[in-house]
Amino acid sequence: MPASTATPPAERPVDARFEALLLDFLAYLEFERGLSRNTLTAYRTDLLQYGAFLAEQGRTATDAEGADVAEFLAGLAAGDGERPPSSAATLNRKTACLRSFYRHLRRGELIDVDPTADVRPPKKGRPLPKVLGYAEVKRLLESVSGSDPADLRDRAILEVMYGCGLRASETVGLEVGSIDLEHGFLRAHGKGSKERIVPVGREASAAVKRWLRSGRPELARGGDVRALFLNQRGGALTRQGLYKVIQGRARDVGLDDRMSPHTLRHSFATHLLAGGCDLRSVQEMLGHADVATTQIYTHLSPDRIKEVYFEAHPRAKA
């Protein structure tokens, strides 16, 4: 099968019109420009990501403007919680891909104005992650206090994500057997299927116990589903479903503009460090292979830095 006619699955859907434009562009690259299969695969991946972004915004490739392209690239530069910020090389490659795509549409007279004409790759920095203060986290958690299955599930999800610093994919990947409430730990499967042991605190344990006792059996309806967290139909909760839970609960307390599933993970790490936990331990609990990643994704408050300095430095003490 020619490389240009293969349609790999996308994580998020693109509309049929965009897919047709994409296949025509890839055919041009393959048969007229003779690009390699690897290059075609990279172009396809980049454009599927862009097409999914446009679909979420209610836009199409032919009515997109420069602001839409810039917003797409800025989102990649900042990261989206599940994916880390893109490197400068990646941003440059994706910008070049979009320019080539829109030049092709312009040659075919499908657009009058090239939206990439004035777009430049965003400059890379190290944006600080969004973090909630402890009072905000407490307000979010305590707002979910009902006793119906959805409330019990959502409270357990929020307590576990904040109490254990889990990624969204790790949370929906938990099974009933992943969590040992008697001994207070759970097994999380992170990136690269690496397993790690994470402590489970008192509040998270209590929330999970309530969910397992009074909420999950009602949603499971006797079905044989191993997932810890279930949707309303009794199946395993998906990442998209988890996102809706987080956004809905954050909206209820006016925090939706600052919340994503990863916000709780950032808050977990930041609050641990502010409370005196050492960086190496936080690295282990987050499942980071390199402590430098932990340093990027967490940050200490100035007051805590000052406190640690005066406690530890031999020439700082009175």
C-alpha atoms as a PDB file:
ATOM      1  CA  MET A   1       0.000   0.000   0.000  1.00  0.00           C
ATOM      2  CA  PRO A   2       1.427   3.432  -0.900  1.00  0.00           C
ATOM      3  CA  ALA A   3       2.413   5.435   2.120  1.00  0.00           C
ATOM      4  CA  SER A   4       0.119   8.294   1.167  1.00  0.00           C
ATOM      5  CA  THR A   5      -3.039   6.160   1.170  1.00  0.00           C
ATOM      6  CA  ALA A   6      -2.563   4.587   4.604  1.00  0.00           C
ATOM      7  CA  THR A   7      -4.686   6.239   7.244  1.00  0.00           C
ATOM      8  CA  PRO A   8      -3.367   5.561  10.740  1.00  0.00           C
ATOM      9  CA  PRO A   9      -5.655   5.912  13.703  1.00  0.00           C
ATOM     10  CA  ALA A  10      -5.668   9.348  15.299  1.00  0.00           C
ATOM     11  CA  GLU A  11      -5.972   9.895  19.026  1.00  0.00           C
ATOM     12  CA  ARG A  12      -8.658  12.486  18.331  1.00  0.00           C
ATOM     13  CA  PRO A  13     -10.888  12.561  15.246  1.00  0.00           C
ATOM     14  CA  VAL A  14     -10.514  14.888  12.268  1.00  0.00           C
ATOM     15  CA  ASP A  15     -13.372  15.724   9.921  1.00  0.00           C
ATOM     16  CA  ALA A  16     -13.773  13.993   6.564  1.00  0.00           C
ATOM     17  CA  ARG A  17     -12.957  17.145   4.584  1.00  0.00           C
ATOM     18  CA  PHE A  18      -9.646  17.588   6.389  1.00  0.00           C
ATOM     19  CA  GLU A  19      -8.783  13.923   5.860  1.00  0.00           C
ATOM     20  CA  ALA A  20      -9.392  14.274   2.121  1.00  0.00           C
ATOM     21  CA  LEU A  21      -7.128  17.339   1.941  1.00  0.00           C
ATOM     22  CA  LEU A  22      -4.472  15.507   3.934  1.00  0.00           C
ATOM     23  CA  LEU A  23      -4.489  12.444   1.661  1.00  0.00           C
ATOM     24  CA  ASP A  24      -4.252  14.645  -1.440  1.00  0.00           C
ATOM     25  CA  PHE A  25      -1.302  16.520   0.083  1.00  0.00           C
ATOM     26  CA  LEU A  26       0.493  13.276   1.020  1.00  0.00           C
ATOM     27  CA  ALA A  27      -0.047  11.908  -2.489  1.00  0.00           C
ATOM     28  CA  TYR A  28       1.561  15.063  -3.880  1.00  0.00           C
ATOM     29  CA  LEU A  29       4.541  14.690  -1.542  1.00  0.00           C
ATOM     30  CA  GLU A  30       4.997  11.025  -2.413  1.00  0.00           C
ATOM     31  CA  PHE A  31       4.447  10.954  -6.150  1.00  0.00           C
ATOM     32  CA  GLU A  32       5.539  14.417  -7.255  1.00  0.00           C
ATOM     33  CA  ARG A  33       8.226  15.269  -4.727  1.00  0.00           C
ATOM     34  CA  GLY A  34       9.348  11.716  -3.999  1.00  0.00           C
ATOM     35  CA  LEU A  35       9.611  12.105  -0.230  1.00  0.00           C
ATOM     36  CA  SER A  36      10.547   9.099   1.869  1.00  0.00           C
ATOM     37  CA  ARG A  37       8.090   6.979   3.827  1.00  0.00           C
ATOM     38  CA  ASN A  38       9.496   8.268   7.136  1.00  0.00           C
ATOM     39  CA  THR A  39       9.005  11.876   6.058  1.00  0.00           C
ATOM     40  CA  LEU A  40       5.466  11.140   4.901  1.00  0.00           C
ATOM     41  CA  THR A  41       4.697   9.497   8.239  1.00  0.00           C
ATOM     42  CA  ALA A  42       5.981  12.560  10.122  1.00  0.00           C
ATOM     43  CA  TYR A  43       3.898  14.931   7.951  1.00  0.00           C
ATOM     44  CA  ARG A  44       0.821  12.745   8.437  1.00  0.00           C
ATOM     45  CA  THR A  45       1.237  12.656  12.214  1.00  0.00           C
ATOM     46  CA  ASP A  46       1.751  16.415  12.473  1.00  0.00           C
ATOM     47  CA  LEU A  47      -1.244  17.228  10.294  1.00  0.00           C
ATOM     48  CA  LEU A  48      -3.579  14.787  12.042  1.00  0.00           C
ATOM     49  CA  GLN A  49      -2.713  16.557  15.289  1.00  0.00           C
ATOM     50  CA  TYR A  50      -3.458  19.921  13.685  1.00  0.00           C
ATOM     51  CA  GLY A  51      -6.689  18.622  12.164  1.00  0.00           C
ATOM     52  CA  ALA A  52      -7.874  17.359  15.552  1.00  0.00           C
ATOM     53  CA  PHE A  53      -7.119  20.769  17.053  1.00  0.00           C
ATOM     54  CA  LEU A  54      -9.177  22.494  14.343  1.00  0.00           C
ATOM     55  CA  ALA A  55     -12.069  20.081  14.871  1.00  0.00           C
ATOM     56  CA  GLU A  56     -12.103  20.893  18.590  1.00  0.00           C
ATOM     57  CA  GLN A  57     -12.232  24.603  17.759  1.00  0.00           C
ATOM     58  CA  GLY A  58     -15.017  24.153  15.230  1.00  0.00           C
ATOM     59  CA  ARG A  59     -12.723  25.302  12.408  1.00  0.00           C
ATOM     60  CA  THR A  60     -11.630  23.766   9.104  1.00  0.00           C
ATOM     61  CA  ALA A  61      -8.332  23.860   7.261  1.00  0.00           C
ATOM     62  CA  THR A  62      -9.703  26.177   4.586  1.00  0.00           C
ATOM     63  CA  ASP A  63     -11.200  28.777   6.945  1.00  0.00           C
ATOM     64  CA  ALA A  64      -8.400  28.742   9.548  1.00  0.00           C
ATOM     65  CA  GLU A  65      -6.616  32.020  10.171  1.00  0.00           C
ATOM     66  CA  GLY A  66      -3.138  32.902  11.334  1.00  0.00           C
ATOM     67  CA  ALA A  67      -4.416  33.180  14.916  1.00  0.00           C
ATOM     68  CA  ASP A  68      -5.614  29.556  14.795  1.00  0.00           C
ATOM     69  CA  VAL A  69      -2.228  28.301  13.619  1.00  0.00           C
ATOM     70  CA  ALA A  70      -0.452  30.401  16.258  1.00  0.00           C
ATOM     71  CA  GLU A  71      -2.749  29.063  18.995  1.00  0.00           C
ATOM     72  CA  PHE A  72      -2.067  25.474  17.906  1.00  0.00           C
ATOM     73  CA  LEU A  73       1.697  26.001  18.053  1.00  0.00           C
ATOM     74  CA  ALA A  74       1.482  27.864  21.359  1.00  0.00           C
ATOM     75  CA  GLY A  75      -0.412  24.937  22.867  1.00  0.00           C
ATOM     76  CA  LEU A  76       2.340  22.559  21.784  1.00  0.00           C
ATOM     77  CA  ALA A  77       4.970  24.862  23.262  1.00  0.00           C
ATOM     78  CA  ALA A  78       3.186  24.946  26.622  1.00  0.00           C
ATOM     79  CA  GLY A  79       2.234  21.271  26.789  1.00  0.00           C
ATOM     80  CA  ASP A  80      -1.240  20.022  27.642  1.00  0.00           C
ATOM     81  CA  GLY A  81      -0.871  18.098  30.833  1.00  0.00           C
ATOM     82  CA  GLU A  82      -0.612  14.687  29.289  1.00  0.00           C
ATOM     83  CA  ARG A  83       2.180  15.682  26.924  1.00  0.00           C
ATOM     84  CA  PRO A  84       5.241  17.712  27.920  1.00  0.00           C
ATOM     85  CA  PRO A  85       6.075  20.979  26.141  1.00  0.00           C
ATOM     86  CA  SER A  86       7.374  20.405  22.608  1.00  0.00           C
ATOM     87  CA  SER A  87      11.032  21.070  21.892  1.00  0.00           C
ATOM     88  CA  ALA A  88      12.174  23.928  19.665  1.00  0.00           C
ATOM     89  CA  ALA A  89      13.105  21.401  16.949  1.00  0.00           C
ATOM     90  CA  THR A  90       9.618  19.870  17.061  1.00  0.00           C
ATOM     91  CA  LEU A  91       7.945  23.271  16.854  1.00  0.00           C
ATOM     92  CA  ASN A  92      10.103  24.241  13.869  1.00  0.00           C
ATOM     93  CA  ARG A  93       9.269  20.962  12.117  1.00  0.00           C
ATOM     94  CA  LYS A  94       5.534  21.320  12.677  1.00  0.00           C
ATOM     95  CA  THR A  95       5.610  24.938  11.495  1.00  0.00           C
ATOM     96  CA  ALA A  96       7.409  23.891   8.300  1.00  0.00           C
ATOM     97  CA  CYS A  97       4.874  21.101   7.790  1.00  0.00           C
ATOM     98  CA  LEU A  98       1.929  23.497   8.104  1.00  0.00           C
ATOM     99  CA  ARG A  99       3.524  25.980   5.711  1.00  0.00           C
ATOM    100  CA  SER A 100       4.046  23.266   3.117  1.00  0.00           C
ATOM    101  CA  PHE A 101       0.465  22.068   3.553  1.00  0.00           C
ATOM    102  CA  TYR A 102      -1.003  25.534   3.099  1.00  0.00           C
ATOM    103  CA  ARG A 103       1.218  26.295   0.098  1.00  0.00           C
ATOM    104  CA  HIS A 104      -0.247  23.165  -1.481  1.00  0.00           C
ATOM    105  CA  LEU A 105      -3.794  24.358  -0.758  1.00  0.00           C
ATOM    106  CA  ARG A 106      -2.938  27.774  -2.202  1.00  0.00           C
ATOM    107  CA  ARG A 107      -1.550  26.210  -5.388  1.00  0.00           C
ATOM    108  CA  GLY A 108      -4.776  24.245  -5.724  1.00  0.00           C
ATOM    109  CA  GLU A 109      -6.752  27.494  -5.293  1.00  0.00           C
ATOM    110  CA  LEU A 110      -8.529  26.047  -2.264  1.00  0.00           C
ATOM    111  CA  ILE A 111      -7.620  29.112  -0.176  1.00  0.00           C
ATOM    112  CA  ASP A 112      -6.975  32.735  -1.069  1.00  0.00           C
ATOM    113  CA  VAL A 113      -4.779  33.643   1.894  1.00  0.00           C
ATOM    114  CA  ASP A 114      -2.066  31.500   3.485  1.00  0.00           C
ATOM    115  CA  PRO A 115      -2.658  31.573   7.280  1.00  0.00           C
ATOM    116  CA  THR A 116       0.943  30.540   7.946  1.00  0.00           C
ATOM    117  CA  ALA A 117       2.470  33.489   6.069  1.00  0.00           C
ATOM    118  CA  ASP A 118       3.213  35.536   9.186  1.00  0.00           C
ATOM    119  CA  VAL A 119       3.374  32.733  11.759  1.00  0.00           C
ATOM    120  CA  ARG A 120       6.652  31.999  13.506  1.00  0.00           C
ATOM    121  CA  PRO A 121       7.356  29.125  15.902  1.00  0.00           C
ATOM    122  CA  PRO A 122       6.814  30.309  19.487  1.00  0.00           C
ATOM    123  CA  LYS A 123       9.948  30.887  21.491  1.00  0.00           C
ATOM    124  CA  LYS A 124      10.582  28.134  23.957  1.00  0.00           C
ATOM    125  CA  GLY A 125      10.667  28.803  27.626  1.00  0.00           C
ATOM    126  CA  ARG A 126       9.936  26.854  30.737  1.00  0.00           C
ATOM    127  CA  PRO A 127       6.402  27.746  31.739  1.00  0.00           C
ATOM    128  CA  LEU A 128       5.588  27.049  35.341  1.00  0.00           C
ATOM    129  CA  PRO A 129       2.874  24.439  35.729  1.00  0.00           C
ATOM    130  CA  LYS A 130      -0.569  25.456  36.897  1.00  0.00           C
ATOM    131  CA  VAL A 131      -0.858  24.728  40.596  1.00  0.00           C
ATOM    132  CA  LEU A 132      -3.730  25.142  43.033  1.00  0.00           C
ATOM    133  CA  GLY A 133      -3.190  26.401  46.561  1.00  0.00           C
ATOM    134  CA  TYR A 134      -4.057  23.956  49.326  1.00  0.00           C
ATOM    135  CA  ALA A 135      -7.207  25.924  50.200  1.00  0.00           C
ATOM    136  CA  GLU A 136      -8.365  25.634  46.583  1.00  0.00           C
ATOM    137  CA  VAL A 137      -7.691  21.897  46.510  1.00  0.00           C
ATOM    138  CA  LYS A 138      -9.608  21.466  49.759  1.00  0.00           C
ATOM    139  CA  ARG A 139     -12.528  23.479  48.379  1.00  0.00           C
ATOM    140  CA  LEU A 140     -12.588  21.326  45.245  1.00  0.00           C
ATOM    141  CA  LEU A 141     -12.443  18.042  47.158  1.00  0.00           C
ATOM    142  CA  GLU A 142     -14.991  18.958  49.806  1.00  0.00           C
ATOM    143  CA  SER A 143     -17.453  20.224  47.196  1.00  0.00           C
ATOM    144  CA  VAL A 144     -18.004  16.605  46.108  1.00  0.00           C
ATOM    145  CA  SER A 145     -19.827  15.298  49.155  1.00  0.00           C
ATOM    146  CA  GLY A 146     -22.864  13.445  47.816  1.00  0.00           C
ATOM    147  CA  SER A 147     -23.621   9.768  48.342  1.00  0.00           C
ATOM    148  CA  ASP A 148     -24.782   8.734  44.864  1.00  0.00           C
ATOM    149  CA  PRO A 149     -22.398   6.576  42.765  1.00  0.00           C
ATOM    150  CA  ALA A 150     -21.173   9.465  40.591  1.00  0.00           C
ATOM    151  CA  ASP A 151     -20.330  11.610  43.618  1.00  0.00           C
ATOM    152  CA  LEU A 152     -18.566   8.747  45.400  1.00  0.00           C
ATOM    153  CA  ARG A 153     -16.577   7.948  42.273  1.00  0.00           C
ATOM    154  CA  ASP A 154     -15.619  11.540  41.535  1.00  0.00           C
ATOM    155  CA  ARG A 155     -14.535  12.203  45.132  1.00  0.00           C
ATOM    156  CA  ALA A 156     -12.396   9.058  45.050  1.00  0.00           C
ATOM    157  CA  ILE A 157     -10.852  10.111  41.716  1.00  0.00           C
ATOM    158  CA  LEU A 158      -9.974  13.584  42.959  1.00  0.00           C
ATOM    159  CA  GLU A 159      -8.581  12.309  46.265  1.00  0.00           C
ATOM    160  CA  VAL A 160      -6.433   9.673  44.536  1.00  0.00           C
ATOM    161  CA  MET A 161      -5.111  12.013  41.843  1.00  0.00           C
ATOM    162  CA  TYR A 162      -4.171  14.695  44.357  1.00  0.00           C
ATOM    163  CA  GLY A 163      -3.118  12.268  47.090  1.00  0.00           C
ATOM    164  CA  CYS A 164      -0.924  10.124  44.844  1.00  0.00           C
ATOM    165  CA  GLY A 165       0.127  12.489  42.022  1.00  0.00           C
ATOM    166  CA  LEU A 166      -1.179  10.242  39.263  1.00  0.00           C
ATOM    167  CA  ARG A 167      -1.364  11.072  35.581  1.00  0.00           C
ATOM    168  CA  ALA A 168      -4.765  10.828  33.886  1.00  0.00           C
ATOM    169  CA  SER A 169      -3.752   7.658  32.021  1.00  0.00           C
ATOM    170  CA  GLU A 170      -2.502   6.083  35.258  1.00  0.00           C
ATOM    171  CA  THR A 171      -5.768   6.907  37.025  1.00  0.00           C
ATOM    172  CA  VAL A 172      -8.037   5.329  34.418  1.00  0.00           C
ATOM    173  CA  GLY A 173      -5.595   2.404  34.204  1.00  0.00           C
ATOM    174  CA  LEU A 174      -6.060   1.491  37.873  1.00  0.00           C
ATOM    175  CA  GLU A 175      -7.761  -1.807  38.574  1.00  0.00           C
ATOM    176  CA  VAL A 176      -9.466  -2.865  41.778  1.00  0.00           C
ATOM    177  CA  GLY A 177      -6.443  -5.034  42.523  1.00  0.00           C
ATOM    178  CA  SER A 178      -4.032  -2.117  41.964  1.00  0.00           C
ATOM    179  CA  ILE A 179      -4.789  -0.558  45.328  1.00  0.00           C
ATOM    180  CA  ASP A 180      -3.984  -2.087  48.721  1.00  0.00           C
ATOM    181  CA  LEU A 181      -6.039  -0.151  51.242  1.00  0.00           C
ATOM    182  CA  GLU A 182      -4.929  -2.287  54.171  1.00  0.00           C
ATOM    183  CA  HIS A 183      -1.269  -1.374  53.722  1.00  0.00           C
ATOM    184  CA  GLY A 184      -1.858   2.051  52.156  1.00  0.00           C
ATOM    185  CA  PHE A 185      -0.284   1.894  48.695  1.00  0.00           C
ATOM    186  CA  LEU A 186      -1.190   1.482  45.058  1.00  0.00           C
ATOM    187  CA  ARG A 187       0.591   0.260  41.950  1.00  0.00           C
ATOM    188  CA  ALA A 188       0.611   2.755  39.085  1.00  0.00           C
ATOM    189  CA  HIS A 189       1.670   1.924  35.549  1.00  0.00           C
ATOM    190  CA  GLY A 190       3.327   4.983  34.057  1.00  0.00           C
ATOM    191  CA  LYS A 191       5.074   5.807  30.828  1.00  0.00           C
ATOM    192  CA  GLY A 192       6.756   2.878  29.146  1.00  0.00           C
ATOM    193  CA  SER A 193       4.584   0.540  31.265  1.00  0.00           C
ATOM    194  CA  LYS A 194       6.898   1.155  34.210  1.00  0.00           C
ATOM    195  CA  GLU A 195       5.289   0.191  37.502  1.00  0.00           C
ATOM    196  CA  ARG A 196       5.817   2.163  40.681  1.00  0.00           C
ATOM    197  CA  ILE A 197       4.506   1.979  44.213  1.00  0.00           C
ATOM    198  CA  VAL A 198       2.848   5.129  45.568  1.00  0.00           C
ATOM    199  CA  PRO A 199       1.589   5.682  49.128  1.00  0.00           C
ATOM    200  CA  VAL A 200      -2.138   6.262  49.562  1.00  0.00           C
ATOM    201  CA  GLY A 201      -3.050   8.698  52.342  1.00  0.00           C
ATOM    202  CA  ARG A 202      -5.899   8.592  54.827  1.00  0.00           C
ATOM    203  CA  GLU A 203      -8.397  10.749  52.920  1.00  0.00           C
ATOM    204  CA  ALA A 204      -7.793   8.997  49.594  1.00  0.00           C
ATOM    205  CA  SER A 205      -8.135   5.571  51.251  1.00  0.00           C
ATOM    206  CA  ALA A 206     -11.393   6.582  52.907  1.00  0.00           C
ATOM    207  CA  ALA A 207     -12.819   7.910  49.624  1.00  0.00           C
ATOM    208  CA  VAL A 208     -11.877   4.744  47.726  1.00  0.00           C
ATOM    209  CA  LYS A 209     -13.406   2.558  50.458  1.00  0.00           C
ATOM    210  CA  ARG A 210     -16.695   4.466  50.213  1.00  0.00           C
ATOM    211  CA  TRP A 211     -16.646   4.140  46.427  1.00  0.00           C
ATOM    212  CA  LEU A 212     -15.931   0.410  46.531  1.00  0.00           C
ATOM    213  CA  ARG A 213     -18.546  -0.221  49.202  1.00  0.00           C
ATOM    214  CA  SER A 214     -21.456   1.980  48.121  1.00  0.00           C
ATOM    215  CA  GLY A 215     -20.864   3.293  44.595  1.00  0.00           C
ATOM    216  CA  ARG A 216     -18.991   0.899  42.345  1.00  0.00           C
ATOM    217  CA  PRO A 217     -21.264  -2.139  42.863  1.00  0.00           C
ATOM    218  CA  GLU A 218     -24.251  -0.133  41.631  1.00  0.00           C
ATOM    219  CA  LEU A 219     -22.501   0.967  38.424  1.00  0.00           C
ATOM    220  CA  ALA A 220     -20.847  -2.416  37.826  1.00  0.00           C
ATOM    221  CA  ARG A 221     -24.265  -4.151  37.850  1.00  0.00           C
ATOM    222  CA  GLY A 222     -22.590  -7.492  38.445  1.00  0.00           C
ATOM    223  CA  GLY A 223     -20.364  -7.168  35.373  1.00  0.00           C
ATOM    224  CA  ASP A 224     -16.806  -8.473  35.307  1.00  0.00           C
ATOM    225  CA  VAL A 225     -14.928  -5.187  34.845  1.00  0.00           C
ATOM    226  CA  ARG A 226     -11.565  -4.939  36.594  1.00  0.00           C
ATOM    227  CA  ALA A 227     -11.158  -1.160  36.265  1.00  0.00           C
ATOM    228  CA  LEU A 228     -11.310   0.687  39.573  1.00  0.00           C
ATOM    229  CA  PHE A 229     -13.228   3.652  38.152  1.00  0.00           C
ATOM    230  CA  LEU A 230     -16.319   3.021  36.023  1.00  0.00           C
ATOM    231  CA  ASN A 231     -18.514   5.143  33.791  1.00  0.00           C
ATOM    232  CA  GLN A 232     -22.296   5.386  34.071  1.00  0.00           C
ATOM    233  CA  ARG A 233     -22.725   2.355  31.769  1.00  0.00           C
ATOM    234  CA  GLY A 234     -20.554   0.136  33.969  1.00  0.00           C
ATOM    235  CA  GLY A 235     -17.532   0.119  31.662  1.00  0.00           C
ATOM    236  CA  ALA A 236     -14.032   1.373  32.422  1.00  0.00           C
ATOM    237  CA  LEU A 237     -13.788   5.158  32.659  1.00  0.00           C
ATOM    238  CA  THR A 238     -11.821   6.562  29.699  1.00  0.00           C
ATOM    239  CA  ARG A 239      -9.345   9.420  29.695  1.00  0.00           C
ATOM    240  CA  GLN A 240     -11.916  11.590  27.940  1.00  0.00           C
ATOM    241  CA  GLY A 241     -14.457  10.684  30.616  1.00  0.00           C
ATOM    242  CA  LEU A 242     -11.973  11.549  33.336  1.00  0.00           C
ATOM    243  CA  TYR A 243     -11.331  14.935  31.740  1.00  0.00           C
ATOM    244  CA  LYS A 244     -15.067  15.670  31.801  1.00  0.00           C
ATOM    245  CA  VAL A 245     -15.236  14.697  35.469  1.00  0.00           C
ATOM    246  CA  ILE A 246     -12.345  17.012  36.389  1.00  0.00           C
ATOM    247  CA  GLN A 247     -13.652  19.917  34.336  1.00  0.00           C
ATOM    248  CA  GLY A 248     -17.205  19.538  35.620  1.00  0.00           C
ATOM    249  CA  ARG A 249     -16.192  19.430  39.260  1.00  0.00           C
ATOM    250  CA  ALA A 250     -13.757  22.321  38.830  1.00  0.00           C
ATOM    251  CA  ARG A 251     -16.473  24.365  37.124  1.00  0.00           C
ATOM    252  CA  ASP A 252     -18.746  23.844  40.118  1.00  0.00           C
ATOM    253  CA  VAL A 253     -16.279  25.714  42.346  1.00  0.00           C
ATOM    254  CA  GLY A 254     -15.083  28.286  39.810  1.00  0.00           C
ATOM    255  CA  LEU A 255     -11.711  26.681  39.071  1.00  0.00           C
ATOM    256  CA  ASP A 256     -12.295  25.406  35.527  1.00  0.00           C
ATOM    257  CA  ASP A 257     -10.047  28.062  33.967  1.00  0.00           C
ATOM    258  CA  ARG A 258      -7.093  26.685  35.941  1.00  0.00           C
ATOM    259  CA  MET A 259      -7.812  22.973  35.945  1.00  0.00           C
ATOM    260  CA  SER A 260      -6.774  19.953  33.963  1.00  0.00           C
ATOM    261  CA  PRO A 261      -6.141  16.425  35.214  1.00  0.00           C
ATOM    262  CA  HIS A 262      -2.439  17.283  35.400  1.00  0.00           C
ATOM    263  CA  THR A 263      -3.109  20.272  37.686  1.00  0.00           C
ATOM    264  CA  LEU A 264      -3.719  17.918  40.603  1.00  0.00           C
ATOM    265  CA  ARG A 265      -0.445  16.128  39.863  1.00  0.00           C
ATOM    266  CA  HIS A 266       1.452  19.427  39.840  1.00  0.00           C
ATOM    267  CA  SER A 267      -0.252  20.476  43.054  1.00  0.00           C
ATOM    268  CA  PHE A 268       0.629  17.148  44.692  1.00  0.00           C
ATOM    269  CA  ALA A 269       4.333  17.604  43.931  1.00  0.00           C
ATOM    270  CA  THR A 270       4.444  21.291  44.809  1.00  0.00           C
ATOM    271  CA  HIS A 271       2.670  20.828  48.130  1.00  0.00           C
ATOM    272  CA  LEU A 272       4.960  17.937  49.078  1.00  0.00           C
ATOM    273  CA  LEU A 273       8.044  20.035  48.375  1.00  0.00           C
ATOM    274  CA  ALA A 274       6.617  23.018  50.231  1.00  0.00           C
ATOM    275  CA  GLY A 275       5.960  20.719  53.162  1.00  0.00           C
ATOM    276  CA  GLY A 276       9.578  19.619  53.329  1.00  0.00           C
ATOM    277  CA  CYS A 277       9.628  16.442  51.208  1.00  0.00           C
ATOM    278  CA  ASP A 278      12.940  15.957  49.426  1.00  0.00           C
ATOM    279  CA  LEU A 279      13.130  16.204  45.639  1.00  0.00           C
ATOM    280  CA  ARG A 280      14.364  12.639  45.178  1.00  0.00           C
ATOM    281  CA  SER A 281      11.337  11.191  46.974  1.00  0.00           C
ATOM    282  CA  VAL A 282       8.975  13.337  44.918  1.00  0.00           C
ATOM    283  CA  GLN A 283      10.748  12.125  41.768  1.00  0.00           C
ATOM    284  CA  GLU A 284      10.090   8.510  42.778  1.00  0.00           C
ATOM    285  CA  MET A 285       6.424   9.165  43.543  1.00  0.00           C
ATOM    286  CA  LEU A 286       5.895  10.983  40.246  1.00  0.00           C
ATOM    287  CA  GLY A 287       7.687   8.256  38.299  1.00  0.00           C
ATOM    288  CA  HIS A 288      10.157  10.601  36.614  1.00  0.00           C
ATOM    289  CA  ALA A 289      13.211   8.889  35.149  1.00  0.00           C
ATOM    290  CA  ASP A 290      15.299  12.042  35.543  1.00  0.00           C
ATOM    291  CA  VAL A 291      15.239  14.331  38.570  1.00  0.00           C
ATOM    292  CA  ALA A 292      15.634  17.275  36.168  1.00  0.00           C
ATOM    293  CA  THR A 293      12.076  16.626  34.982  1.00  0.00           C
ATOM    294  CA  THR A 294      10.866  16.872  38.558  1.00  0.00           C
ATOM    295  CA  GLN A 295      12.652  20.197  38.933  1.00  0.00           C
ATOM    296  CA  ILE A 296      10.870  21.538  35.848  1.00  0.00           C
ATOM    297  CA  TYR A 297       7.421  20.398  36.877  1.00  0.00           C
ATOM    298  CA  THR A 298       7.606  21.411  40.534  1.00  0.00           C
ATOM    299  CA  HIS A 299       8.636  24.574  42.282  1.00  0.00           C
ATOM    300  CA  LEU A 300       9.074  25.706  45.868  1.00  0.00           C
ATOM    301  CA  SER A 301       7.528  28.810  47.355  1.00  0.00           C
ATOM    302  CA  PRO A 302       9.981  31.582  48.268  1.00  0.00           C
ATOM    303  CA  ASP A 303       9.015  31.250  51.955  1.00  0.00           C
ATOM    304  CA  ARG A 304       9.859  27.543  51.995  1.00  0.00           C
ATOM    305  CA  ILE A 305      13.180  28.142  50.215  1.00  0.00           C
ATOM    306  CA  LYS A 306      14.082  30.743  52.840  1.00  0.00           C
ATOM    307  CA  GLU A 307      13.048  28.407  55.673  1.00  0.00           C
ATOM    308  CA  VAL A 308      15.112  25.500  54.328  1.00  0.00           C
ATOM    309  CA  TYR A 309      18.097  27.794  53.780  1.00  0.00           C
ATOM    310  CA  PHE A 310      18.157  29.006  57.388  1.00  0.00           C
ATOM    311  CA  GLU A 311      17.646  25.463  58.683  1.00  0.00           C
ATOM    312  CA  ALA A 312      20.412  23.913  56.608  1.00  0.00           C
ATOM    313  CA  HIS A 313      23.176  26.435  55.901  1.00  0.00           C
ATOM    314  CA  PRO A 314      25.869  26.515  58.601  1.00  0.00           C
ATOM    315  CA  ARG A 315      26.608  30.216  58.099  1.00  0.00           C
ATOM    316  CA  ALA A 316      22.930  31.252  58.052  1.00  0.00           C
ATOM    317  CA  LYS A 317      21.996  30.217  61.559  1.00  0.00           C
ATOM    318  CA  ALA A 318      22.014  32.800  64.349  1.00  0.00           C
END
